[in-house]
């Protein structure tokens, strides 16, 4: 016997804790990453509305570029 009823409870509790840890690690792996290409990190536009995000992200100086607020 593994310590009576408390030994069985300790084993069951350990298995539950391991399952909870595995679930949290699974959720952590599925979250979005900061460098996710789905959303550019720096956005900008011209006064006439044209997109200037690519040049703004690459640091190309343009006096008409207006950064968007996040």
Protein backbone atom coordinates (compact mmCIF):
# COMPACT_ATOMS: atom_id res chain seq x y z
CA UNK A 1 0.00 0.00 0.00
CA UNK A 2 1.20 3.55 -0.75
CA UNK A 3 0.52 5.20 2.61
CA UNK A 4 -3.20 4.55 2.82
CA UNK A 5 -5.83 7.04 1.69
CA UNK A 6 -3.42 10.02 1.94
CA UNK A 7 -0.89 8.38 -0.36
CA UNK A 8 -3.54 7.93 -3.04
CA UNK A 9 -4.67 11.53 -2.56
CA UNK A 10 -1.09 12.76 -2.93
CA UNK A 11 -0.68 10.85 -6.19
CA UNK A 12 -3.98 12.18 -7.54
CA UNK A 13 -3.02 15.73 -6.55
CA UNK A 14 0.34 15.40 -8.29
CA UNK A 15 -1.31 14.18 -11.47
CA UNK A 16 -3.77 17.09 -11.38
CA UNK A 17 -0.93 19.60 -10.93
CA UNK A 18 0.99 18.07 -13.84
CA UNK A 19 -2.12 18.30 -16.04
CA UNK A 20 -2.65 21.95 -15.13
CA UNK A 21 0.98 22.78 -15.91
CA UNK A 22 0.72 21.06 -19.29
CA UNK A 23 -2.44 23.04 -20.11
CA UNK A 24 -0.76 26.35 -19.24
CA UNK A 25 2.28 25.53 -21.37
CA UNK A 26 0.01 24.68 -24.29
CA UNK A 27 -1.75 28.05 -24.00
CA UNK A 28 1.56 29.90 -23.77
CA UNK A 29 2.78 28.31 -27.02
CA UNK A 30 -0.32 29.40 -28.93
CA UNK A 31 -0.18 33.11 -28.04
CA UNK A 32 0.87 35.75 -30.56
CA UNK A 33 4.54 36.67 -30.65
CA UNK A 34 5.77 40.30 -30.65
CA UNK A 35 7.43 39.86 -34.05
CA UNK A 36 4.33 38.31 -35.61
CA UNK A 37 4.20 39.43 -39.28
CA UNK A 38 0.39 39.51 -39.16
CA UNK A 39 0.50 43.08 -37.78
CA UNK A 40 3.28 45.57 -38.56
CA UNK A 41 4.74 47.20 -35.46
CA UNK A 42 5.22 50.68 -36.96
CA UNK A 43 2.50 52.30 -39.05
CA UNK A 44 2.60 55.64 -40.86
CA UNK A 45 0.85 57.52 -43.65
CA UNK A 46 1.19 60.56 -45.88
CA UNK A 47 -1.05 63.64 -45.48
CA UNK A 48 -2.98 62.53 -48.57
CA UNK A 49 -3.69 59.10 -46.98
CA UNK A 50 -1.14 56.93 -48.81
CA UNK A 51 0.52 54.21 -46.73
CA UNK A 52 4.12 54.94 -45.67
CA UNK A 53 4.53 52.12 -43.16
CA UNK A 54 7.33 50.36 -45.05
CA UNK A 55 9.58 53.42 -45.34
CA UNK A 56 8.82 54.47 -41.76
CA UNK A 57 9.66 50.99 -40.44
CA UNK A 58 12.97 51.01 -42.35
CA UNK A 59 13.92 54.46 -41.03
CA UNK A 60 13.81 56.27 -44.38
CA UNK A 61 13.47 59.99 -43.69
CA UNK A 62 10.49 61.69 -45.32
CA UNK A 63 9.25 65.03 -44.08
CA UNK A 64 5.65 64.23 -44.97
CA UNK A 65 5.41 60.94 -43.06
CA UNK A 66 2.89 61.02 -40.21
CA UNK A 67 3.20 58.18 -37.63
CA UNK A 68 -0.05 56.49 -36.64
CA UNK A 69 -0.84 56.22 -32.95
CA UNK A 70 -1.17 52.68 -31.62
